[in-house]
Amino acid sequence: RGVCALGRTILLTDTDFGLRFIDVTDPEAPAE
């Protein structure tokens, strides 16, 4: 439900978990 960008890292909220940090250096293959 929520997202923010920190350089090439994306912070994504997960209602069942908390925060996930996603590396989007390769936007076609994002990785936690």
Full PDB file with SEQRES, HELIX, SHEET, SSBOND, CRYST1, ORIGX, SCALE, CONECT and MASTER records, all heavy atoms in Angstrom:
SEQRES   1 A   32  ARG GLY VAL CYS ALA LEU GLY ARG THR ILE LEU LEU THR          
SEQRES   2 A   32  ASP THR ASP PHE GLY LEU ARG PHE ILE ASP VAL THR ASP          
SEQRES   3 A   32  PRO GLU ALA PRO ALA GLU                                      
SHEET    1 AA1 3 VAL A   3  LEU A   6  0                                        
SHEET    2 AA1 3 THR A   9  ASP A  14 -1                                        
SHEET    3 AA1 3 GLY A  18  ASP A  23 -1                                        
CRYST1    1.000    1.000    1.000  90.00  90.00  90.00 P 1           1          
ORIGX1      1.000000  0.000000  0.000000        0.00000                         
ORIGX2      0.000000  1.000000  0.000000        0.00000                         
ORIGX3      0.000000  0.000000  1.000000        0.00000                         
SCALE1      1.000000  0.000000  0.000000        0.00000                         
SCALE2      0.000000  1.000000  0.000000        0.00000                         
SCALE3      0.000000  0.000000  1.000000        0.00000                         
ATOM      1  N   ARG A   1       0.796  -1.228   0.000  1.00  0.00           N  
ATOM      2  CA  ARG A   1       0.000   0.000   0.000  1.00  0.00           C  
ATOM      3  C   ARG A   1       0.828   1.278   0.000  1.00  0.00           C  
ATOM      4  O   ARG A   1       0.295   2.361  -0.243  1.00  0.00           O  
ATOM      5  CB  ARG A   1      -0.949   0.002   1.201  1.00  0.00           C  
ATOM      6  CG  ARG A   1      -2.032  -1.057   1.085  1.00  0.00           C  
ATOM      7  CD  ARG A   1      -3.010  -1.020   2.235  1.00  0.00           C  
ATOM      8  NE  ARG A   1      -4.133  -1.905   1.975  1.00  0.00           N  
ATOM      9  CZ  ARG A   1      -5.245  -1.541   1.362  1.00  0.00           C  
ATOM     10  NH1 ARG A   1      -5.397  -0.285   0.966  1.00  0.00           N  
ATOM     11  NH2 ARG A   1      -6.215  -2.410   1.155  1.00  0.00           N  
ATOM     12  N   GLY A   2       2.113   1.192   0.280  1.00  0.00           N  
ATOM     13  CA  GLY A   2       2.950   2.382   0.321  1.00  0.00           C  
ATOM     14  C   GLY A   2       4.295   2.118  -0.320  1.00  0.00           C  
ATOM     15  O   GLY A   2       4.831   1.011  -0.236  1.00  0.00           O  
ATOM     16  N   VAL A   3       4.867   3.158  -0.958  1.00  0.00           N  
ATOM     17  CA  VAL A   3       6.148   2.992  -1.638  1.00  0.00           C  
ATOM     18  C   VAL A   3       6.919   4.299  -1.597  1.00  0.00           C  
ATOM     19  O   VAL A   3       6.345   5.385  -1.686  1.00  0.00           O  
ATOM     20  CB  VAL A   3       5.929   2.517  -3.098  1.00  0.00           C  
ATOM     21  CG1 VAL A   3       5.157   3.542  -3.910  1.00  0.00           C  
ATOM     22  CG2 VAL A   3       7.243   2.183  -3.773  1.00  0.00           C  
ATOM     23  N   CYS A   4       8.245   4.186  -1.438  1.00  0.00           N  
ATOM     24  CA  CYS A   4       9.151   5.327  -1.514  1.00  0.00           C  
ATOM     25  C   CYS A   4      10.432   4.883  -2.209  1.00  0.00           C  
ATOM     26  O   CYS A   4      10.812   3.705  -2.130  1.00  0.00           O  
ATOM     27  CB  CYS A   4       9.485   5.855  -0.118  1.00  0.00           C  
ATOM     28  SG  CYS A   4       8.402   7.154   0.469  1.00  0.00           S  
ATOM     29  N   ALA A   5      11.105   5.843  -2.852  1.00  0.00           N  
ATOM     30  CA  ALA A   5      12.348   5.544  -3.553  1.00  0.00           C  
ATOM     31  C   ALA A   5      13.527   6.170  -2.823  1.00  0.00           C  
ATOM     32  O   ALA A   5      13.485   7.341  -2.436  1.00  0.00           O  
ATOM     33  CB  ALA A   5      12.284   6.068  -4.989  1.00  0.00           C  
ATOM     34  N   LEU A   6      14.579   5.372  -2.625  1.00  0.00           N  
ATOM     35  CA  LEU A   6      15.825   5.828  -2.025  1.00  0.00           C  
ATOM     36  C   LEU A   6      16.950   5.402  -2.946  1.00  0.00           C  
ATOM     37  O   LEU A   6      17.488   4.312  -2.830  1.00  0.00           O  
ATOM     38  CB  LEU A   6      15.991   5.226  -0.624  1.00  0.00           C  
ATOM     39  CG  LEU A   6      17.252   5.595   0.146  1.00  0.00           C  
ATOM     40  CD1 LEU A   6      17.282   7.091   0.439  1.00  0.00           C  
ATOM     41  CD2 LEU A   6      17.338   4.803   1.444  1.00  0.00           C  
ATOM     42  N   GLY A   7      17.279   6.270  -3.906  1.00  0.00           N  
ATOM     43  CA  GLY A   7      18.249   5.882  -4.918  1.00  0.00           C  
ATOM     44  C   GLY A   7      17.725   4.711  -5.721  1.00  0.00           C  
ATOM     45  O   GLY A   7      16.625   4.761  -6.268  1.00  0.00           O  
ATOM     46  N   ARG A   8      18.498   3.641  -5.754  1.00  0.00           N  
ATOM     47  CA  ARG A   8      18.074   2.441  -6.482  1.00  0.00           C  
ATOM     48  C   ARG A   8      17.456   1.392  -5.561  1.00  0.00           C  
ATOM     49  O   ARG A   8      17.342   0.217  -5.922  1.00  0.00           O  
ATOM     50  CB  ARG A   8      19.256   1.850  -7.254  1.00  0.00           C  
ATOM     51  CG  ARG A   8      19.803   2.810  -8.308  1.00  0.00           C  
ATOM     52  CD  ARG A   8      20.783   2.138  -9.242  1.00  0.00           C  
ATOM     53  NE  ARG A   8      21.353   3.083 -10.184  1.00  0.00           N  
ATOM     54  CZ  ARG A   8      20.773   3.490 -11.291  1.00  0.00           C  
ATOM     55  NH1 ARG A   8      19.579   3.022 -11.608  1.00  0.00           N  
ATOM     56  NH2 ARG A   8      21.361   4.362 -12.104  1.00  0.00           N  
ATOM     57  N   THR A   9      17.073   1.835  -4.376  1.00  0.00           N  
ATOM     58  CA  THR A   9      16.370   0.962  -3.435  1.00  0.00           C  
ATOM     59  C   THR A   9      14.954   1.483  -3.233  1.00  0.00           C  
ATOM     60  O   THR A   9      14.754   2.680  -3.043  1.00  0.00           O  
ATOM     61  CB  THR A   9      17.091   0.909  -2.075  1.00  0.00           C  
ATOM     62  OG1 THR A   9      18.425   0.417  -2.274  1.00  0.00           O  
ATOM     63  CG2 THR A   9      16.355   0.003  -1.101  1.00  0.00           C  
ATOM     64  N   ILE A  10      13.997   0.584  -3.294  1.00  0.00           N  
ATOM     65  CA  ILE A  10      12.591   0.930  -3.083  1.00  0.00           C  
ATOM     66  C   ILE A  10      12.143   0.380  -1.736  1.00  0.00           C  
ATOM     67  O   ILE A  10      12.406  -0.780  -1.410  1.00  0.00           O  
ATOM     68  CB  ILE A  10      11.712   0.342  -4.211  1.00  0.00           C  
ATOM     69  CG1 ILE A  10      12.120   0.941  -5.560  1.00  0.00           C  
ATOM     70  CG2 ILE A  10      10.237   0.590  -3.933  1.00  0.00           C  
ATOM     71  CD1 ILE A  10      11.971   2.444  -5.654  1.00  0.00           C  
ATOM     72  N   LEU A  11      11.475   1.226  -0.966  1.00  0.00           N  
ATOM     73  CA  LEU A  11      10.857   0.785   0.280  1.00  0.00           C  
ATOM     74  C   LEU A  11       9.387   0.522  -0.010  1.00  0.00           C  
ATOM     75  O   LEU A  11       8.670   1.396  -0.504  1.00  0.00           O  
ATOM     76  CB  LEU A  11      10.981   1.842   1.371  1.00  0.00           C  
ATOM     77  CG  LEU A  11      12.314   1.900   2.135  1.00  0.00           C  
ATOM     78  CD1 LEU A  11      13.440   2.373   1.231  1.00  0.00           C  
ATOM     79  CD2 LEU A  11      12.188   2.802   3.349  1.00  0.00           C  
ATOM     80  N   LEU A  12       8.942  -0.682   0.287  1.00  0.00           N  
ATOM     81  CA  LEU A  12       7.579  -1.111   0.016  1.00  0.00           C  
ATOM     82  C   LEU A  12       6.941  -1.594   1.313  1.00  0.00           C  
ATOM     83  O   LEU A  12       7.514  -2.410   2.022  1.00  0.00           O  
ATOM     84  CB  LEU A  12       7.589  -2.242  -1.011  1.00  0.00           C  
ATOM     85  CG  LEU A  12       6.239  -2.739  -1.539  1.00  0.00           C  
ATOM     86  CD1 LEU A  12       5.597  -1.692  -2.446  1.00  0.00           C  
ATOM     87  CD2 LEU A  12       6.410  -4.055  -2.289  1.00  0.00           C  
ATOM     88  N   THR A  13       5.746  -1.063   1.629  1.00  0.00           N  
ATOM     89  CA  THR A  13       5.061  -1.549   2.827  1.00  0.00           C  
ATOM     90  C   THR A  13       4.278  -2.810   2.497  1.00  0.00           C  
ATOM     91  O   THR A  13       3.699  -2.942   1.425  1.00  0.00           O  
ATOM     92  CB  THR A  13       4.102  -0.493   3.400  1.00  0.00           C  
ATOM     93  OG1 THR A  13       3.045  -0.224   2.474  1.00  0.00           O  
ATOM     94  CG2 THR A  13       4.841   0.799   3.730  1.00  0.00           C  
ATOM     95  N   ASP A  14       4.276  -3.714   3.451  1.00  0.00           N  
ATOM     96  CA  ASP A  14       3.559  -4.982   3.357  1.00  0.00           C  
ATOM     97  C   ASP A  14       2.696  -5.083   4.612  1.00  0.00           C  
ATOM     98  O   ASP A  14       3.225  -5.144   5.727  1.00  0.00           O  
ATOM     99  CB  ASP A  14       4.567  -6.129   3.283  1.00  0.00           C  
ATOM    100  CG  ASP A  14       3.932  -7.506   3.161  1.00  0.00           C  
ATOM    101  OD1 ASP A  14       2.753  -7.667   3.544  1.00  0.00           O  
ATOM    102  OD2 ASP A  14       4.622  -8.440   2.703  1.00  0.00           O  
ATOM    103  N   THR A  15       1.382  -5.092   4.460  1.00  0.00           N  
ATOM    104  CA  THR A  15       0.501  -5.007   5.618  1.00  0.00           C  
ATOM    105  C   THR A  15       0.649  -6.183   6.574  1.00  0.00           C  
ATOM    106  O   THR A  15       0.336  -6.063   7.758  1.00  0.00           O  
ATOM    107  CB  THR A  15      -0.980  -4.900   5.190  1.00  0.00           C  
ATOM    108  OG1 THR A  15      -1.302  -5.999   4.326  1.00  0.00           O  
ATOM    109  CG2 THR A  15      -1.246  -3.587   4.482  1.00  0.00           C  
ATOM    110  N   ASP A  16       1.116  -7.318   6.102  1.00  0.00           N  
ATOM    111  CA  ASP A  16       1.285  -8.479   6.971  1.00  0.00           C  
ATOM    112  C   ASP A  16       2.697  -8.608   7.521  1.00  0.00           C  
ATOM    113  O   ASP A  16       2.979  -9.517   8.305  1.00  0.00           O  
ATOM    114  CB  ASP A  16       0.952  -9.767   6.220  1.00  0.00           C  
ATOM    115  CG  ASP A  16      -0.539  -9.976   6.041  1.00  0.00           C  
ATOM    116  OD1 ASP A  16      -1.313  -9.166   6.587  1.00  0.00           O  
ATOM    117  OD2 ASP A  16      -0.928 -10.923   5.343  1.00  0.00           O  
ATOM    118  N   PHE A  17       3.585  -7.703   7.101  1.00  0.00           N  
ATOM    119  CA  PHE A  17       4.991  -7.940   7.421  1.00  0.00           C  
ATOM    120  C   PHE A  17       5.705  -6.696   7.941  1.00  0.00           C  
ATOM    121  O   PHE A  17       6.424  -6.743   8.919  1.00  0.00           O  
ATOM    122  CB  PHE A  17       5.708  -8.473   6.180  1.00  0.00           C  
ATOM    123  CG  PHE A  17       7.076  -9.010   6.456  1.00  0.00           C  
ATOM    124  CD1 PHE A  17       7.233 -10.297   6.932  1.00  0.00           C  
ATOM    125  CD2 PHE A  17       8.198  -8.229   6.250  1.00  0.00           C  
ATOM    126  CE1 PHE A  17       8.497 -10.793   7.208  1.00  0.00           C  
ATOM    127  CE2 PHE A  17       9.461  -8.711   6.523  1.00  0.00           C  
ATOM    128  CZ  PHE A  17       9.618 -10.006   6.996  1.00  0.00           C  
ATOM    129  N   GLY A  18       5.558  -5.569   7.263  1.00  0.00           N  
ATOM    130  CA  GLY A  18       6.289  -4.364   7.629  1.00  0.00           C  
ATOM    131  C   GLY A  18       6.891  -3.696   6.413  1.00  0.00           C  
ATOM    132  O   GLY A  18       6.181  -3.357   5.464  1.00  0.00           O  
ATOM    133  N   LEU A  19       8.205  -3.528   6.423  1.00  0.00           N  
ATOM    134  CA  LEU A  19       8.915  -2.884   5.315  1.00  0.00           C  
ATOM    135  C   LEU A  19       9.738  -3.901   4.549  1.00  0.00           C  
ATOM    136  O   LEU A  19      10.415  -4.745   5.141  1.00  0.00           O  
ATOM    137  CB  LEU A  19       9.867  -1.805   5.845  1.00  0.00           C  
ATOM    138  CG  LEU A  19       9.325  -0.420   6.136  1.00  0.00           C  
ATOM    139  CD1 LEU A  19      10.471   0.472   6.623  1.00  0.00           C  
ATOM    140  CD2 LEU A  19       8.668   0.198   4.925  1.00  0.00           C  
ATOM    141  N   ARG A  20       9.680  -3.787   3.218  1.00  0.00           N  
ATOM    142  CA  ARG A  20      10.554  -4.574   2.359  1.00  0.00           C  
ATOM    143  C   ARG A  20      11.427  -3.623   1.556  1.00  0.00           C  
ATOM    144  O   ARG A  20      10.944  -2.592   1.060  1.00  0.00           O  
ATOM    145  CB  ARG A  20       9.739  -5.481   1.429  1.00  0.00           C  
ATOM    146  CG  ARG A  20       8.924  -6.528   2.182  1.00  0.00           C  
ATOM    147  CD  ARG A  20       8.238  -7.498   1.248  1.00  0.00           C  
ATOM    148  NE  ARG A  20       7.424  -8.463   1.969  1.00  0.00           N  
ATOM    149  CZ  ARG A  20       7.874  -9.602   2.488  1.00  0.00           C  
ATOM    150  NH1 ARG A  20       9.150  -9.917   2.344  1.00  0.00           N  
ATOM    151  NH2 ARG A  20       7.065 -10.423   3.130  1.00  0.00           N  
ATOM    152  N   PHE A  21      12.708  -3.970   1.425  1.00  0.00           N  
ATOM    153  CA  PHE A  21      13.666  -3.159   0.686  1.00  0.00           C  
ATOM    154  C   PHE A  21      13.990  -3.880  -0.620  1.00  0.00           C  
ATOM    155  O   PHE A  21      14.504  -5.005  -0.599  1.00  0.00           O  
ATOM    156  CB  PHE A  21      14.935  -2.941   1.508  1.00  0.00           C  
ATOM    157  CG  PHE A  21      14.707  -2.143   2.758  1.00  0.00           C  
ATOM    158  CD1 PHE A  21      14.203  -2.747   3.903  1.00  0.00           C  
ATOM    159  CD2 PHE A  21      14.977  -0.784   2.793  1.00  0.00           C  
ATOM    160  CE1 PHE A  21      13.981  -2.017   5.053  1.00  0.00           C  
ATOM    161  CE2 PHE A  21      14.759  -0.037   3.939  1.00  0.00           C  
ATOM    162  CZ  PHE A  21      14.260  -0.657   5.075  1.00  0.00           C  
ATOM    163  N   ILE A  22      13.684  -3.226  -1.744  1.00  0.00           N  
ATOM    164  CA  ILE A  22      13.795  -3.858  -3.059  1.00  0.00           C  
ATOM    165  C   ILE A  22      14.866  -3.142  -3.879  1.00  0.00           C  
ATOM    166  O   ILE A  22      14.791  -1.920  -4.086  1.00  0.00           O  
ATOM    167  CB  ILE A  22      12.450  -3.798  -3.819  1.00  0.00           C  
ATOM    168  CG1 ILE A  22      11.275  -4.227  -2.906  1.00  0.00           C  
ATOM    169  CG2 ILE A  22      12.531  -4.660  -5.075  1.00  0.00           C  
ATOM    170  CD1 ILE A  22      11.354  -5.610  -2.397  1.00  0.00           C  
ATOM    171  N   ASP A  23      15.857  -3.896  -4.331  1.00  0.00           N  
ATOM    172  CA  ASP A  23      16.894  -3.352  -5.210  1.00  0.00           C  
ATOM    173  C   ASP A  23      16.346  -3.317  -6.635  1.00  0.00           C  
ATOM    174  O   ASP A  23      15.957  -4.354  -7.189  1.00  0.00           O  
ATOM    175  CB  ASP A  23      18.138  -4.240  -5.141  1.00  0.00           C  
ATOM    176  CG  ASP A  23      19.291  -3.706  -5.979  1.00  0.00           C  
ATOM    177  OD1 ASP A  23      19.089  -2.758  -6.767  1.00  0.00           O  
ATOM    178  OD2 ASP A  23      20.404  -4.251  -5.857  1.00  0.00           O  
ATOM    179  N   VAL A  24      16.312  -2.114  -7.240  1.00  0.00           N  
ATOM    180  CA  VAL A  24      15.786  -1.972  -8.604  1.00  0.00           C  
ATOM    181  C   VAL A  24      16.880  -1.513  -9.557  1.00  0.00           C  
ATOM    182  O   VAL A  24      16.617  -0.854 -10.557  1.00  0.00           O  
ATOM    183  CB  VAL A  24      14.583  -1.001  -8.643  1.00  0.00           C  
ATOM    184  CG1 VAL A  24      13.388  -1.604  -7.930  1.00  0.00           C  
ATOM    185  CG2 VAL A  24      14.942   0.361  -8.047  1.00  0.00           C  
ATOM    186  N   THR A  25      18.134  -1.875  -9.253  1.00  0.00           N  
ATOM    187  CA  THR A  25      19.231  -1.557 -10.172  1.00  0.00           C  
ATOM    188  C   THR A  25      18.920  -2.088 -11.569  1.00  0.00           C  
ATOM    189  O   THR A  25      19.156  -1.418 -12.574  1.00  0.00           O  
ATOM    190  CB  THR A  25      20.545  -2.162  -9.657  1.00  0.00           C  
ATOM    191  OG1 THR A  25      20.825  -1.634  -8.349  1.00  0.00           O  
ATOM    192  CG2 THR A  25      21.693  -1.816 -10.595  1.00  0.00           C  
ATOM    193  N   ASP A  26      18.387  -3.300 -11.610  1.00  0.00           N  
ATOM    194  CA  ASP A  26      17.831  -3.848 -12.850  1.00  0.00           C  
ATOM    195  C   ASP A  26      16.314  -3.828 -12.709  1.00  0.00           C  
ATOM    196  O   ASP A  26      15.743  -4.706 -12.055  1.00  0.00           O  
ATOM    197  CB  ASP A  26      18.324  -5.273 -13.083  1.00  0.00           C  
ATOM    198  CG  ASP A  26      17.770  -5.885 -14.362  1.00  0.00           C  
ATOM    199  OD1 ASP A  26      16.974  -5.207 -15.051  1.00  0.00           O  
ATOM    200  OD2 ASP A  26      18.113  -7.040 -14.653  1.00  0.00           O  
ATOM    201  N   PRO A  27      15.634  -2.835 -13.298  1.00  0.00           N  
ATOM    202  CA  PRO A  27      14.187  -2.730 -13.098  1.00  0.00           C  
ATOM    203  C   PRO A  27      13.396  -3.903 -13.666  1.00  0.00           C  
ATOM    204  O   PRO A  27      12.237  -4.099 -13.289  1.00  0.00           O  
ATOM    205  CB  PRO A  27      13.829  -1.423 -13.813  1.00  0.00           C  
ATOM    206  CG  PRO A  27      14.927  -1.210 -14.804  1.00  0.00           C  
ATOM    207  CD  PRO A  27      16.161  -1.786 -14.168  1.00  0.00           C  
ATOM    208  N   GLU A  28      14.013  -4.677 -14.539  1.00  0.00           N  
ATOM    209  CA  GLU A  28      13.318  -5.845 -15.077  1.00  0.00           C  
ATOM    210  C   GLU A  28      13.414  -7.045 -14.141  1.00  0.00           C  
ATOM    211  O   GLU A  28      12.691  -8.024 -14.318  1.00  0.00           O  
ATOM    212  CB  GLU A  28      13.899  -6.200 -16.449  1.00  0.00           C  
ATOM    213  CG  GLU A  28      13.686  -5.110 -17.500  1.00  0.00           C  
ATOM    214  CD  GLU A  28      14.200  -5.523 -18.859  1.00  0.00           C  
ATOM    215  OE1 GLU A  28      14.591  -6.709 -19.027  1.00  0.00           O  
ATOM    216  OE2 GLU A  28      14.217  -4.670 -19.764  1.00  0.00           O  
ATOM    217  N   ALA A  29      14.303  -6.959 -13.148  1.00  0.00           N  
ATOM    218  CA  ALA A  29      14.477  -8.079 -12.218  1.00  0.00           C  
ATOM    219  C   ALA A  29      14.716  -7.533 -10.806  1.00  0.00           C  
ATOM    220  O   ALA A  29      15.795  -7.719 -10.235  1.00  0.00           O  
ATOM    221  CB  ALA A  29      15.639  -8.964 -12.658  1.00  0.00           C  
ATOM    222  N   PRO A  30      13.730  -6.863 -10.216  1.00  0.00           N  
ATOM    223  CA  PRO A  30      13.901  -6.334  -8.861  1.00  0.00           C  
ATOM    224  C   PRO A  30      14.087  -7.468  -7.856  1.00  0.00           C  
ATOM    225  O   PRO A  30      13.516  -8.553  -8.016  1.00  0.00           O  
ATOM    226  CB  PRO A  30      12.598  -5.565  -8.620  1.00  0.00           C  
ATOM    227  CG  PRO A  30      11.610  -6.175  -9.557  1.00  0.00           C  
ATOM    228  CD  PRO A  30      12.383  -6.599 -10.762  1.00  0.00           C  
ATOM    229  N   ALA A  31      14.912  -7.208  -6.828  1.00  0.00           N  
ATOM    230  CA  ALA A  31      15.224  -8.254  -5.847  1.00  0.00           C  
ATOM    231  C   ALA A  31      15.189  -7.677  -4.434  1.00  0.00           C  
ATOM    232  O   ALA A  31      15.685  -6.577  -4.193  1.00  0.00           O  
ATOM    233  CB  ALA A  31      16.598  -8.855  -6.131  1.00  0.00           C  
ATOM    234  N   GLU A  32      14.610  -8.441  -3.501  1.00  0.00           N  
ATOM    235  CA  GLU A  32      14.580  -8.004  -2.108  1.00  0.00           C  
ATOM    236  C   GLU A  32      15.961  -8.144  -1.494  1.00  0.00           C  
ATOM    237  O   GLU A  32      16.607  -9.176  -1.621  1.00  0.00           O  
ATOM    238  CB  GLU A  32      13.557  -8.812  -1.318  1.00  0.00           C  
ATOM    239  CG  GLU A  32      13.427  -8.350   0.127  1.00  0.00           C  
ATOM    240  CD  GLU A  32      12.252  -8.975   0.859  1.00  0.00           C  
ATOM    241  OE1 GLU A  32      11.172  -9.108   0.229  1.00  0.00           O  
ATOM    242  OE2 GLU A  32      12.405  -9.314   2.034  1.00  0.00           O  
TER     243      GLU A  32                                                      
MASTER        0    0    0    0    3    0    0    6  242    1    0    3          
END                                                                             
